[in-house]
Every structure is written in C-alpha cells, then in structure tokens.
C-alpha cells in the first residue's frame, strides 16, 4: 500500500490528483478522473456521493489505505477519496497490485 501512497504523493506534487469528496465529484463530472482511490474506512455518505458517480462514468475504483494514513501521506487531514487525473499515474497505481474497491450500498 505504501507504493500507492507514494504514487499519490508524487501525483499531488505534480497536480495530477484531486483530493476530497467534493473535488473528486467535480472532477468526475468534468471527465477529469481516470481512477478513484477510496479509503478503507470511507464514510457511507462519501461512498454514496463518489462511488455511484464513478461507476456511472465507468471510472475504476480501487481501495486505498485508511483515511488518516492517506491524509498524512498527502499532508492533509484524513482523506476519504482521491481522484487521479493522469492516465499514466492511474496505470501505475493499478499495476502496484491494488485491488478493486468493494463497495456495498444499503
């Protein structure tokens, strides 16, 4: 998982990731996200807002680490979702052995 967090950190510095639920939703609507990384402990509300939109737009979802760990590595408070804008970065994250997000909706 640290490889994925490292890639997200590089992407943040390069301006190739979107951090947070509202930003990712905006990015998804604008067609800017190639991949969405979801924290393992993301809230049901965050999942409802982002996951359905990503799935509807055909954007892959992968499971990240806990929100606090993702936020710490990105220099932010806890982060529940990160959108990846760069296709090469998205491929790198997928190649890092990330598993698809398993999302259950009630």
N, C-alpha and C. Protein backbone atom coordinates (compact mmCIF):
# COMPACT_ATOMS: atom_id res chain seq x y z
N UNK A 1 0.82 -1.20 0.00
CA UNK A 1 0.00 0.00 0.00
C UNK A 1 0.86 1.26 0.00
N UNK A 2 2.07 1.18 0.55
CA UNK A 2 2.90 2.38 0.59
C UNK A 2 3.31 2.82 -0.81
N UNK A 3 3.41 1.88 -1.75
CA UNK A 3 3.74 2.25 -3.13
C UNK A 3 2.63 3.13 -3.70
N UNK A 4 1.39 2.77 -3.42
CA UNK A 4 0.27 3.56 -3.93
C UNK A 4 0.26 4.93 -3.28
N UNK A 5 0.51 4.99 -1.98
CA UNK A 5 0.54 6.28 -1.29
C UNK A 5 1.69 7.14 -1.82
N UNK A 6 2.81 6.52 -2.11
CA UNK A 6 3.93 7.25 -2.69
C UNK A 6 3.58 7.81 -4.06
N UNK A 7 2.90 7.01 -4.88
CA UNK A 7 2.48 7.48 -6.20
C UNK A 7 1.47 8.62 -6.08
N UNK A 8 0.56 8.51 -5.12
CA UNK A 8 -0.41 9.59 -4.92
C UNK A 8 0.30 10.87 -4.48
N UNK A 9 1.30 10.73 -3.63
CA UNK A 9 2.07 11.90 -3.20
C UNK A 9 2.77 12.58 -4.37
N UNK A 10 3.38 11.77 -5.24
CA UNK A 10 4.02 12.33 -6.44
C UNK A 10 2.99 13.01 -7.34
N UNK A 11 1.84 12.36 -7.47
CA UNK A 11 0.77 12.94 -8.28
C UNK A 11 0.25 14.25 -7.72
N UNK A 12 0.18 14.34 -6.40
CA UNK A 12 -0.27 15.58 -5.78
C UNK A 12 0.71 16.71 -6.08
N UNK A 13 1.99 16.44 -5.92
CA UNK A 13 3.01 17.45 -6.20
C UNK A 13 2.99 17.88 -7.67
N UNK A 14 2.63 16.97 -8.55
CA UNK A 14 2.58 17.29 -9.98
C UNK A 14 1.24 17.89 -10.40
N UNK A 15 0.29 17.96 -9.48
CA UNK A 15 -1.03 18.48 -9.80
C UNK A 15 -1.90 17.51 -10.56
N UNK A 16 -1.62 16.21 -10.41
CA UNK A 16 -2.36 15.19 -11.15
C UNK A 16 -3.38 14.42 -10.33
N UNK A 17 -3.63 14.86 -9.10
CA UNK A 17 -4.65 14.21 -8.28
C UNK A 17 -5.58 15.27 -7.70
N UNK A 18 -6.77 14.82 -7.40
CA UNK A 18 -7.80 15.65 -6.77
C UNK A 18 -8.08 15.02 -5.41
N UNK A 19 -8.03 15.81 -4.36
CA UNK A 19 -8.19 15.28 -3.01
C UNK A 19 -9.53 15.72 -2.43
N UNK A 20 -10.27 14.75 -1.89
CA UNK A 20 -11.51 15.05 -1.18
C UNK A 20 -12.76 14.76 -1.99
N UNK A 21 -13.83 14.55 -1.26
CA UNK A 21 -15.10 14.14 -1.86
C UNK A 21 -15.63 15.17 -2.86
N UNK A 22 -15.70 16.43 -2.44
CA UNK A 22 -16.28 17.45 -3.33
C UNK A 22 -15.43 17.65 -4.58
N UNK A 23 -14.13 17.70 -4.42
CA UNK A 23 -13.24 17.88 -5.57
C UNK A 23 -13.31 16.71 -6.53
N UNK A 24 -13.35 15.50 -5.98
CA UNK A 24 -13.42 14.31 -6.84
C UNK A 24 -14.75 14.26 -7.57
N UNK A 25 -15.82 14.61 -6.90
CA UNK A 25 -17.12 14.65 -7.58
C UNK A 25 -17.10 15.63 -8.75
N UNK A 26 -16.53 16.80 -8.51
CA UNK A 26 -16.42 17.80 -9.58
C UNK A 26 -15.56 17.28 -10.72
N UNK A 27 -14.44 16.64 -10.37
CA UNK A 27 -13.56 16.07 -11.38
C UNK A 27 -14.23 14.97 -12.19
N UNK A 28 -15.00 14.13 -11.52
CA UNK A 28 -15.72 13.07 -12.22
C UNK A 28 -16.73 13.66 -13.20
N UNK A 29 -17.47 14.66 -12.74
CA UNK A 29 -18.47 15.28 -13.62
C UNK A 29 -17.82 15.92 -14.84
N UNK A 30 -16.61 16.46 -14.66
CA UNK A 30 -15.90 17.12 -15.77
C UNK A 30 -15.11 16.14 -16.62
N UNK A 31 -15.15 14.86 -16.29
CA UNK A 31 -14.43 13.86 -17.06
C UNK A 31 -12.92 13.91 -16.84
N UNK A 32 -12.48 14.40 -15.69
CA UNK A 32 -11.05 14.57 -15.41
C UNK A 32 -10.43 13.41 -14.66
N UNK A 33 -11.21 12.47 -14.17
CA UNK A 33 -10.66 11.38 -13.35
C UNK A 33 -10.56 10.09 -14.15
N UNK A 34 -9.37 9.46 -14.07
CA UNK A 34 -9.13 8.17 -14.71
C UNK A 34 -9.29 7.03 -13.72
N UNK A 35 -9.19 7.37 -12.43
CA UNK A 35 -9.20 6.38 -11.36
C UNK A 35 -9.58 7.09 -10.07
N UNK A 36 -10.27 6.38 -9.19
CA UNK A 36 -10.59 6.91 -7.87
C UNK A 36 -10.09 5.93 -6.82
N UNK A 37 -9.32 6.46 -5.87
CA UNK A 37 -8.82 5.66 -4.75
C UNK A 37 -9.70 5.98 -3.54
N UNK A 38 -10.28 4.93 -2.94
CA UNK A 38 -11.22 5.08 -1.84
C UNK A 38 -10.59 4.53 -0.57
N UNK A 39 -10.63 5.30 0.51
CA UNK A 39 -10.10 4.85 1.79
C UNK A 39 -10.90 3.65 2.29
N UNK A 40 -10.23 2.75 2.99
CA UNK A 40 -10.91 1.55 3.50
C UNK A 40 -11.99 1.91 4.52
N UNK A 41 -11.85 3.04 5.18
CA UNK A 41 -12.81 3.44 6.19
C UNK A 41 -13.63 4.67 5.77
N UNK A 42 -13.80 4.83 4.47
CA UNK A 42 -14.59 5.97 3.97
C UNK A 42 -16.02 5.88 4.50
N UNK A 43 -16.59 7.02 4.79
CA UNK A 43 -17.94 7.06 5.35
C UNK A 43 -18.97 6.63 4.30
N UNK A 44 -20.09 6.09 4.76
CA UNK A 44 -21.15 5.71 3.81
C UNK A 44 -21.60 6.90 2.95
N UNK A 45 -21.63 8.08 3.52
CA UNK A 45 -22.04 9.26 2.77
C UNK A 45 -21.03 9.58 1.65
N UNK A 46 -19.74 9.49 1.97
CA UNK A 46 -18.72 9.73 0.94
C UNK A 46 -18.83 8.69 -0.16
N UNK A 47 -19.03 7.44 0.23
CA UNK A 47 -19.18 6.38 -0.76
C UNK A 47 -20.38 6.64 -1.66
N UNK A 48 -21.48 7.04 -1.05
CA UNK A 48 -22.69 7.29 -1.82
C UNK A 48 -22.46 8.41 -2.85
N UNK A 49 -21.76 9.44 -2.43
CA UNK A 49 -21.54 10.59 -3.30
C UNK A 49 -20.58 10.30 -4.45
N UNK A 50 -19.53 9.55 -4.17
CA UNK A 50 -18.47 9.37 -5.16
C UNK A 50 -18.60 8.07 -5.94
N UNK A 51 -18.86 6.98 -5.26
CA UNK A 51 -18.82 5.67 -5.90
C UNK A 51 -19.87 5.54 -7.00
N UNK A 52 -21.06 5.92 -6.73
CA UNK A 52 -22.11 5.80 -7.73
C UNK A 52 -21.79 6.63 -8.97
N UNK A 53 -21.27 7.83 -8.76
CA UNK A 53 -20.90 8.69 -9.88
C UNK A 53 -19.75 8.08 -10.69
N UNK A 54 -18.74 7.57 -10.00
CA UNK A 54 -17.60 6.94 -10.69
C UNK A 54 -18.06 5.73 -11.48
N UNK A 55 -18.88 4.90 -10.86
CA UNK A 55 -19.37 3.70 -11.55
C UNK A 55 -20.20 4.08 -12.77
N UNK A 56 -21.02 5.09 -12.64
CA UNK A 56 -21.85 5.55 -13.76
C UNK A 56 -21.02 6.08 -14.92
N UNK A 57 -19.86 6.62 -14.61
CA UNK A 57 -18.98 7.17 -15.64
C UNK A 57 -17.92 6.17 -16.11
N UNK A 58 -17.95 4.97 -15.53
CA UNK A 58 -17.01 3.93 -15.94
C UNK A 58 -15.59 4.15 -15.45
N UNK A 59 -15.45 4.89 -14.36
CA UNK A 59 -14.13 5.16 -13.79
C UNK A 59 -13.81 4.08 -12.76
N UNK A 60 -12.67 3.41 -12.89
CA UNK A 60 -12.32 2.36 -11.93
C UNK A 60 -12.13 2.90 -10.53
N UNK A 61 -12.47 2.07 -9.57
CA UNK A 61 -12.29 2.38 -8.15
C UNK A 61 -11.34 1.36 -7.56
N UNK A 62 -10.41 1.83 -6.74
CA UNK A 62 -9.53 0.92 -6.02
C UNK A 62 -9.54 1.29 -4.54
N UNK A 63 -9.25 0.30 -3.72
CA UNK A 63 -9.21 0.52 -2.29
C UNK A 63 -7.82 1.00 -1.89
N UNK A 64 -7.80 2.10 -1.16
CA UNK A 64 -6.56 2.63 -0.63
C UNK A 64 -6.34 2.15 0.79
N UNK A 65 -5.69 2.95 1.57
CA UNK A 65 -5.48 2.64 2.99
C UNK A 65 -6.53 3.40 3.80
N UNK A 66 -6.33 3.49 5.09
CA UNK A 66 -7.25 4.22 5.95
C UNK A 66 -7.16 5.71 5.64
N UNK A 67 -8.24 6.43 5.87
CA UNK A 67 -8.32 7.85 5.55
C UNK A 67 -7.23 8.66 6.27
N UNK A 68 -6.96 8.34 7.51
CA UNK A 68 -5.94 9.07 8.26
C UNK A 68 -4.56 8.88 7.64
N UNK A 69 -4.26 7.66 7.21
CA UNK A 69 -2.96 7.38 6.60
C UNK A 69 -2.84 8.07 5.25
N UNK A 70 -3.91 8.03 4.46
CA UNK A 70 -3.88 8.71 3.16
C UNK A 70 -3.67 10.21 3.37
N UNK A 71 -4.39 10.79 4.30
CA UNK A 71 -4.25 12.22 4.58
C UNK A 71 -2.85 12.57 5.05
N UNK A 72 -2.31 11.75 5.93
CA UNK A 72 -0.97 12.00 6.46
C UNK A 72 0.06 12.02 5.33
N UNK A 73 -0.02 11.03 4.44
CA UNK A 73 0.95 10.94 3.34
C UNK A 73 0.78 12.07 2.32
N UNK A 74 -0.43 12.66 2.27
CA UNK A 74 -0.68 13.75 1.34
C UNK A 74 -0.60 15.12 2.01
N UNK A 75 -0.23 15.13 3.30
CA UNK A 75 -0.10 16.39 4.02
C UNK A 75 -1.42 17.07 4.29
N UNK A 76 -2.44 16.27 4.51
CA UNK A 76 -3.80 16.78 4.71
C UNK A 76 -4.43 16.11 5.93
N UNK A 77 -5.60 16.61 6.35
CA UNK A 77 -6.37 15.85 7.34
C UNK A 77 -6.83 14.55 6.68
N UNK A 78 -7.52 13.67 7.41
CA UNK A 78 -7.96 12.40 6.80
C UNK A 78 -8.64 12.62 5.44
N UNK A 79 -8.26 11.77 4.48
CA UNK A 79 -8.75 11.86 3.10
C UNK A 79 -9.49 10.58 2.76
N UNK A 80 -10.77 10.70 2.41
CA UNK A 80 -11.57 9.52 2.10
C UNK A 80 -11.48 9.09 0.65
N UNK A 81 -11.29 10.04 -0.27
CA UNK A 81 -11.18 9.70 -1.68
C UNK A 81 -10.16 10.61 -2.37
N UNK A 82 -9.50 10.02 -3.37
CA UNK A 82 -8.55 10.75 -4.20
C UNK A 82 -8.85 10.39 -5.65
N UNK A 83 -8.99 11.41 -6.48
CA UNK A 83 -9.19 11.19 -7.91
C UNK A 83 -7.87 11.37 -8.64
N UNK A 84 -7.59 10.49 -9.56
CA UNK A 84 -6.34 10.55 -10.33
C UNK A 84 -6.67 11.07 -11.72
N UNK A 85 -6.01 12.16 -12.10
CA UNK A 85 -6.25 12.79 -13.41
C UNK A 85 -5.37 12.22 -14.52
N UNK A 86 -4.19 11.79 -14.19
CA UNK A 86 -3.21 11.37 -15.19
C UNK A 86 -3.35 9.88 -15.51
N UNK A 87 -3.56 9.52 -16.78
CA UNK A 87 -3.72 8.11 -17.13
C UNK A 87 -2.49 7.25 -16.79
N UNK A 88 -1.30 7.79 -16.96
CA UNK A 88 -0.08 7.02 -16.64
C UNK A 88 0.01 6.75 -15.14
N UNK A 89 -0.34 7.74 -14.34
CA UNK A 89 -0.35 7.56 -12.88
C UNK A 89 -1.40 6.53 -12.49
N UNK A 90 -2.56 6.59 -13.11
CA UNK A 90 -3.62 5.61 -12.83
C UNK A 90 -3.15 4.19 -13.16
N UNK A 91 -2.47 4.03 -14.29
CA UNK A 91 -1.95 2.70 -14.65
C UNK A 91 -0.91 2.23 -13.63
N UNK A 92 -0.07 3.15 -13.17
CA UNK A 92 0.93 2.81 -12.16
C UNK A 92 0.30 2.34 -10.87
N UNK A 93 -0.75 3.00 -10.45
CA UNK A 93 -1.44 2.61 -9.22
C UNK A 93 -2.09 1.24 -9.40
N UNK A 94 -2.72 1.03 -10.54
CA UNK A 94 -3.33 -0.28 -10.79
C UNK A 94 -2.27 -1.37 -10.86
N UNK A 95 -1.12 -1.06 -11.43
CA UNK A 95 -0.04 -2.05 -11.55
C UNK A 95 0.63 -2.34 -10.21
N UNK A 96 0.45 -1.45 -9.25
CA UNK A 96 1.07 -1.63 -7.94
C UNK A 96 0.36 -2.72 -7.13
N UNK A 97 -0.57 -3.41 -7.77
CA UNK A 97 -1.22 -4.53 -7.10
C UNK A 97 -2.44 -4.13 -6.29
N UNK A 98 -2.96 -2.96 -6.56
CA UNK A 98 -4.15 -2.53 -5.84
C UNK A 98 -5.33 -3.39 -6.24
N UNK A 99 -6.18 -3.66 -5.30
CA UNK A 99 -7.37 -4.44 -5.60
C UNK A 99 -8.55 -3.52 -5.87
N UNK A 100 -9.46 -3.93 -6.71
CA UNK A 100 -10.65 -3.11 -6.96
C UNK A 100 -11.41 -2.87 -5.67
N UNK A 101 -12.01 -1.71 -5.57
CA UNK A 101 -12.78 -1.37 -4.37
C UNK A 101 -14.01 -2.24 -4.32
N UNK A 102 -14.29 -2.74 -3.16
CA UNK A 102 -15.52 -3.50 -2.93
C UNK A 102 -16.44 -2.59 -2.16
N UNK A 103 -17.52 -2.18 -2.80
CA UNK A 103 -18.41 -1.21 -2.19
C UNK A 103 -19.77 -1.84 -2.03
N UNK A 104 -20.29 -1.76 -0.83
CA UNK A 104 -21.64 -2.26 -0.60
C UNK A 104 -22.54 -1.06 -0.34
N UNK A 105 -23.64 -1.06 -1.02
CA UNK A 105 -24.62 0.02 -0.84
C UNK A 105 -25.83 -0.57 -0.15
N UNK A 106 -26.31 0.15 0.83
CA UNK A 106 -27.50 -0.32 1.57
C UNK A 106 -28.77 0.11 0.89
